[in-house]
Amino acid sequence: MALNASTTLPYPADAVASVFTDREFVQEVSAKAGGRLTDFQVTGPITGAFDVTSVRAVPTDRLPDLARKFVGATMTVTQREVWSAPAADGSRTASITIEVAGAPVDVKATQKLVARGGETVVELDGQVTSSIPFMGGKIASAAEPYLGKALNLQATQAKAWLDARN
């Protein structure tokens, strides 16, 4: 299943990248999504190329019964982001992978921060797949709306976060 989203934030790309690497912000977004941040690490300076790993405990009460059979009442979701150094205009790209412990679901996505003057277009494109024969498509279809909303939430909440601090 495809994940696609785009939103424009009225802030420069370096400010948006700074928010995406702020533990307090990631913790708040995790809580808004109904989860709890259990681990968060940024490796490397955000002025260059860097990696981010976020681990969340997420309740499964809103998942379809089919998905809950695999993961139980909560699931551990690990999100890894490998960010490029900024281009001359401040744009950058992240390769994102999401693993759900105990579930046969994988997410691979690309998030771009496209600098446009003082604004940043946040673009997300990715795929949700499942490795279970015959049922994989159904499982991926069930997971896609939830994973897509979680990734979108980060971008939309970044504006509110930056607005409150500027």
C-alpha atoms as a PDB file:
ATOM      1  CA  MET A   1       0.000   0.000   0.000  1.00  0.00           C
ATOM      2  CA  ALA A   2       1.279   3.470  -0.846  1.00  0.00           C
ATOM      3  CA  LEU A   3       1.912   6.284   1.624  1.00  0.00           C
ATOM      4  CA  ASN A   4       1.849   9.737   0.064  1.00  0.00           C
ATOM      5  CA  ALA A   5       1.532  13.112   1.728  1.00  0.00           C
ATOM      6  CA  SER A   6       2.697  16.663   1.284  1.00  0.00           C
ATOM      7  CA  THR A   7       2.373  19.760   3.427  1.00  0.00           C
ATOM      8  CA  THR A   8       3.961  23.197   3.361  1.00  0.00           C
ATOM      9  CA  LEU A   9       5.351  24.744   6.527  1.00  0.00           C
ATOM     10  CA  PRO A  10       6.068  28.487   6.705  1.00  0.00           C
ATOM     11  CA  TYR A  11       9.549  27.875   8.141  1.00  0.00           C
ATOM     12  CA  PRO A  12      12.981  27.210   6.606  1.00  0.00           C
ATOM     13  CA  ALA A  13      14.138  23.600   6.178  1.00  0.00           C
ATOM     14  CA  ASP A  14      16.784  23.845   8.913  1.00  0.00           C
ATOM     15  CA  ALA A  15      14.104  24.838  11.443  1.00  0.00           C
ATOM     16  CA  VAL A  16      11.911  21.910  10.373  1.00  0.00           C
ATOM     17  CA  ALA A  17      14.850  19.470  10.616  1.00  0.00           C
ATOM     18  CA  SER A  18      15.627  20.856  14.057  1.00  0.00           C
ATOM     19  CA  VAL A  19      12.066  20.133  15.221  1.00  0.00           C
ATOM     20  CA  PHE A  20      12.121  16.581  13.825  1.00  0.00           C
ATOM     21  CA  THR A  21      15.218  15.898  15.943  1.00  0.00           C
ATOM     22  CA  ASP A  22      13.907  17.410  19.175  1.00  0.00           C
ATOM     23  CA  ARG A  23      13.184  14.665  21.722  1.00  0.00           C
ATOM     24  CA  GLU A  24      10.467  16.704  23.431  1.00  0.00           C
ATOM     25  CA  PHE A  25       8.695  17.249  20.088  1.00  0.00           C
ATOM     26  CA  VAL A  26       8.899  13.552  19.154  1.00  0.00           C
ATOM     27  CA  GLN A  27       7.610  12.643  22.612  1.00  0.00           C
ATOM     28  CA  GLU A  28       4.649  15.017  22.214  1.00  0.00           C
ATOM     29  CA  VAL A  29       3.799  13.701  18.737  1.00  0.00           C
ATOM     30  CA  SER A  30       4.009  10.135  20.029  1.00  0.00           C
ATOM     31  CA  ALA A  31       1.535  10.977  22.801  1.00  0.00           C
ATOM     32  CA  LYS A  32      -0.837  12.693  20.336  1.00  0.00           C
ATOM     33  CA  ALA A  33      -0.799   9.492  18.278  1.00  0.00           C
ATOM     34  CA  GLY A  34      -1.745   7.526  21.405  1.00  0.00           C
ATOM     35  CA  GLY A  35       1.686   6.032  21.974  1.00  0.00           C
ATOM     36  CA  ARG A  36       4.635   6.496  24.291  1.00  0.00           C
ATOM     37  CA  LEU A  37       8.206   7.252  23.270  1.00  0.00           C
ATOM     38  CA  THR A  38      10.482   4.680  24.925  1.00  0.00           C
ATOM     39  CA  ASP A  39      13.802   5.487  23.228  1.00  0.00           C
ATOM     40  CA  PHE A  40      15.114   8.299  21.054  1.00  0.00           C
ATOM     41  CA  GLN A  41      18.587   8.810  19.623  1.00  0.00           C
ATOM     42  CA  VAL A  42      20.106  11.266  17.184  1.00  0.00           C
ATOM     43  CA  THR A  43      23.489  10.258  15.785  1.00  0.00           C
ATOM     44  CA  GLY A  44      25.556  12.969  14.159  1.00  0.00           C
ATOM     45  CA  PRO A  45      25.193  16.740  14.014  1.00  0.00           C
ATOM     46  CA  ILE A  46      21.954  17.927  12.420  1.00  0.00           C
ATOM     47  CA  THR A  47      23.937  20.506  10.466  1.00  0.00           C
ATOM     48  CA  GLY A  48      25.205  17.600   8.325  1.00  0.00           C
ATOM     49  CA  ALA A  49      24.079  14.052   7.647  1.00  0.00           C
ATOM     50  CA  PHE A  50      22.566  12.362  10.703  1.00  0.00           C
ATOM     51  CA  ASP A  51      20.426   9.419  11.810  1.00  0.00           C
ATOM     52  CA  VAL A  52      17.407   9.349  14.110  1.00  0.00           C
ATOM     53  CA  THR A  53      15.978   6.285  15.842  1.00  0.00           C
ATOM     54  CA  SER A  54      12.645   6.493  17.671  1.00  0.00           C
ATOM     55  CA  VAL A  55      11.090   3.574  19.525  1.00  0.00           C
ATOM     56  CA  ARG A  56       7.471   3.817  20.580  1.00  0.00           C
ATOM     57  CA  ALA A  57       5.024   1.639  22.500  1.00  0.00           C
ATOM     58  CA  VAL A  58       1.686   1.938  20.714  1.00  0.00           C
ATOM     59  CA  PRO A  59      -1.689   0.503  21.788  1.00  0.00           C
ATOM     60  CA  THR A  60      -3.422  -1.632  19.178  1.00  0.00           C
ATOM     61  CA  ASP A  61      -7.015  -0.976  20.270  1.00  0.00           C
ATOM     62  CA  ARG A  62      -7.814   0.902  17.017  1.00  0.00           C
ATOM     63  CA  LEU A  63      -6.333  -1.749  14.734  1.00  0.00           C
ATOM     64  CA  PRO A  64      -8.562  -4.273  12.993  1.00  0.00           C
ATOM     65  CA  ASP A  65      -8.866  -7.669  14.720  1.00  0.00           C
ATOM     66  CA  LEU A  66      -6.763  -9.246  11.971  1.00  0.00           C
ATOM     67  CA  ALA A  67      -3.778  -7.042  12.853  1.00  0.00           C
ATOM     68  CA  ARG A  68      -4.238  -7.396  16.635  1.00  0.00           C
ATOM     69  CA  LYS A  69      -3.913 -11.173  16.300  1.00  0.00           C
ATOM     70  CA  PHE A  70      -0.287 -10.664  15.344  1.00  0.00           C
ATOM     71  CA  VAL A  71       0.782  -7.945  17.776  1.00  0.00           C
ATOM     72  CA  GLY A  72      -1.411  -8.161  20.886  1.00  0.00           C
ATOM     73  CA  ALA A  73      -2.594  -5.208  23.018  1.00  0.00           C
ATOM     74  CA  THR A  74       0.488  -3.053  22.363  1.00  0.00           C
ATOM     75  CA  MET A  75       3.197  -3.037  19.766  1.00  0.00           C
ATOM     76  CA  THR A  76       6.725  -1.697  19.660  1.00  0.00           C
ATOM     77  CA  VAL A  77       7.342   0.468  16.625  1.00  0.00           C
ATOM     78  CA  THR A  78      10.921   1.350  15.671  1.00  0.00           C
ATOM     79  CA  GLN A  79      11.400   4.195  13.210  1.00  0.00           C
ATOM     80  CA  ARG A  80      14.835   4.755  11.681  1.00  0.00           C
ATOM     81  CA  GLU A  81      15.603   7.854   9.642  1.00  0.00           C
ATOM     82  CA  VAL A  82      18.809   8.386   7.688  1.00  0.00           C
ATOM     83  CA  TRP A  83      19.035  12.074   6.790  1.00  0.00           C
ATOM     84  CA  SER A  84      21.234  13.569   4.099  1.00  0.00           C
ATOM     85  CA  ALA A  85      23.309  16.667   4.685  1.00  0.00           C
ATOM     86  CA  PRO A  86      21.488  19.797   3.524  1.00  0.00           C
ATOM     87  CA  ALA A  87      21.811  20.843  -0.107  1.00  0.00           C
ATOM     88  CA  ALA A  88      22.966  24.387  -0.892  1.00  0.00           C
ATOM     89  CA  ASP A  89      19.366  25.657  -0.572  1.00  0.00           C
ATOM     90  CA  GLY A  90      18.791  23.776   2.709  1.00  0.00           C
ATOM     91  CA  SER A  91      16.720  20.928   1.224  1.00  0.00           C
ATOM     92  CA  ARG A  92      17.398  17.425   2.502  1.00  0.00           C
ATOM     93  CA  THR A  93      16.097  13.881   2.236  1.00  0.00           C
ATOM     94  CA  ALA A  94      15.516  11.105   4.750  1.00  0.00           C
ATOM     95  CA  SER A  95      15.205   7.391   4.096  1.00  0.00           C
ATOM     96  CA  ILE A  96      12.744   6.038   6.657  1.00  0.00           C
ATOM     97  CA  THR A  97      12.160   2.457   7.717  1.00  0.00           C
ATOM     98  CA  ILE A  98       9.576   1.390  10.256  1.00  0.00           C
ATOM     99  CA  GLU A  99       9.519  -2.018  11.890  1.00  0.00           C
ATOM    100  CA  VAL A 100       6.678  -3.299  14.027  1.00  0.00           C
ATOM    101  CA  ALA A 101       7.918  -5.911  16.517  1.00  0.00           C
ATOM    102  CA  GLY A 102       6.031  -9.170  16.199  1.00  0.00           C
ATOM    103  CA  ALA A 103       4.156  -8.074  13.090  1.00  0.00           C
ATOM    104  CA  PRO A 104       4.939  -8.936   9.502  1.00  0.00           C
ATOM    105  CA  VAL A 105       4.694  -5.297   8.412  1.00  0.00           C
ATOM    106  CA  ASP A 106       7.473  -3.183   6.944  1.00  0.00           C
ATOM    107  CA  VAL A 107       7.448   0.446   5.922  1.00  0.00           C
ATOM    108  CA  LYS A 108       9.979   2.078   3.648  1.00  0.00           C
ATOM    109  CA  ALA A 109       9.533   5.742   2.859  1.00  0.00           C
ATOM    110  CA  THR A 110      11.359   8.832   1.692  1.00  0.00           C
ATOM    111  CA  GLN A 111      10.718  12.149   3.354  1.00  0.00           C
ATOM    112  CA  LYS A 112      11.952  15.309   1.676  1.00  0.00           C
ATOM    113  CA  LEU A 113      12.297  18.770   3.117  1.00  0.00           C
ATOM    114  CA  VAL A 114      12.159  20.940   0.004  1.00  0.00           C
ATOM    115  CA  ALA A 115      13.304  24.506   0.684  1.00  0.00           C
ATOM    116  CA  ARG A 116      11.287  27.194  -1.086  1.00  0.00           C
ATOM    117  CA  GLY A 117      12.416  30.574   0.125  1.00  0.00           C
ATOM    118  CA  GLY A 118      11.407  30.816   3.779  1.00  0.00           C
ATOM    119  CA  GLU A 119       9.025  27.861   3.459  1.00  0.00           C
ATOM    120  CA  THR A 120       9.550  24.112   3.449  1.00  0.00           C
ATOM    121  CA  VAL A 121       7.499  21.568   1.555  1.00  0.00           C
ATOM    122  CA  VAL A 122       7.498  18.285   3.479  1.00  0.00           C
ATOM    123  CA  GLU A 123       6.915  15.420   1.050  1.00  0.00           C
ATOM    124  CA  LEU A 124       6.444  11.803   2.070  1.00  0.00           C
ATOM    125  CA  ASP A 125       6.349   8.832  -0.291  1.00  0.00           C
ATOM    126  CA  GLY A 126       6.528   5.226   0.782  1.00  0.00           C
ATOM    127  CA  GLN A 127       5.197   1.709   0.824  1.00  0.00           C
ATOM    128  CA  VAL A 128       3.703  -0.556   3.474  1.00  0.00           C
ATOM    129  CA  THR A 129       4.284  -4.261   2.843  1.00  0.00           C
ATOM    130  CA  SER A 130       3.698  -7.526   4.636  1.00  0.00           C
ATOM    131  CA  SER A 131       5.569 -10.766   4.135  1.00  0.00           C
ATOM    132  CA  ILE A 132       2.729 -13.190   4.900  1.00  0.00           C
ATOM    133  CA  PRO A 133       1.678 -15.188   1.837  1.00  0.00           C
ATOM    134  CA  PHE A 134      -1.925 -14.583   0.733  1.00  0.00           C
ATOM    135  CA  MET A 135      -2.746 -12.365   3.751  1.00  0.00           C
ATOM    136  CA  GLY A 136       0.083  -9.854   3.340  1.00  0.00           C
ATOM    137  CA  GLY A 137      -1.909  -7.425   1.223  1.00  0.00           C
ATOM    138  CA  LYS A 138      -4.787  -7.428   3.680  1.00  0.00           C
ATOM    139  CA  ILE A 139      -2.454  -6.827   6.633  1.00  0.00           C
ATOM    140  CA  ALA A 140      -0.624  -4.023   4.813  1.00  0.00           C
ATOM    141  CA  SER A 141      -3.987  -2.451   3.898  1.00  0.00           C
ATOM    142  CA  ALA A 142      -5.061  -2.549   7.536  1.00  0.00           C
ATOM    143  CA  ALA A 143      -1.789  -1.038   8.778  1.00  0.00           C
ATOM    144  CA  GLU A 144      -1.393   1.645   6.111  1.00  0.00           C
ATOM    145  CA  PRO A 145      -3.922   4.199   7.416  1.00  0.00           C
ATOM    146  CA  TYR A 146      -2.442   4.114  10.921  1.00  0.00           C
ATOM    147  CA  LEU A 147       1.181   4.287   9.820  1.00  0.00           C
ATOM    148  CA  GLY A 148       0.374   6.993   7.271  1.00  0.00           C
ATOM    149  CA  LYS A 149      -1.401   9.096   9.902  1.00  0.00           C
ATOM    150  CA  ALA A 150       1.542   8.734  12.285  1.00  0.00           C
ATOM    151  CA  LEU A 151       4.038   9.921   9.668  1.00  0.00           C
ATOM    152  CA  ASN A 152       1.728  12.781   8.618  1.00  0.00           C
ATOM    153  CA  LEU A 153       1.190  13.840  12.210  1.00  0.00           C
ATOM    154  CA  GLN A 154       4.888  14.642  12.561  1.00  0.00           C
ATOM    155  CA  ALA A 155       4.783  17.152   9.705  1.00  0.00           C
ATOM    156  CA  THR A 156       1.532  18.827  10.693  1.00  0.00           C
ATOM    157  CA  GLN A 157       2.492  19.101  14.370  1.00  0.00           C
ATOM    158  CA  ALA A 158       5.825  20.671  13.422  1.00  0.00           C
ATOM    159  CA  LYS A 159       3.987  23.845  12.362  1.00  0.00           C
ATOM    160  CA  ALA A 160       2.175  24.138  15.696  1.00  0.00           C
ATOM    161  CA  TRP A 161       5.442  23.476  17.540  1.00  0.00           C
ATOM    162  CA  LEU A 162       7.327  26.152  15.602  1.00  0.00           C
ATOM    163  CA  ASP A 163       4.427  28.636  15.830  1.00  0.00           C
ATOM    164  CA  ALA A 164       4.420  28.311  19.626  1.00  0.00           C
ATOM    165  CA  ARG A 165       8.159  29.021  19.828  1.00  0.00           C
ATOM    166  CA  ASN A 166       8.469  31.910  17.354  1.00  0.00           C
END
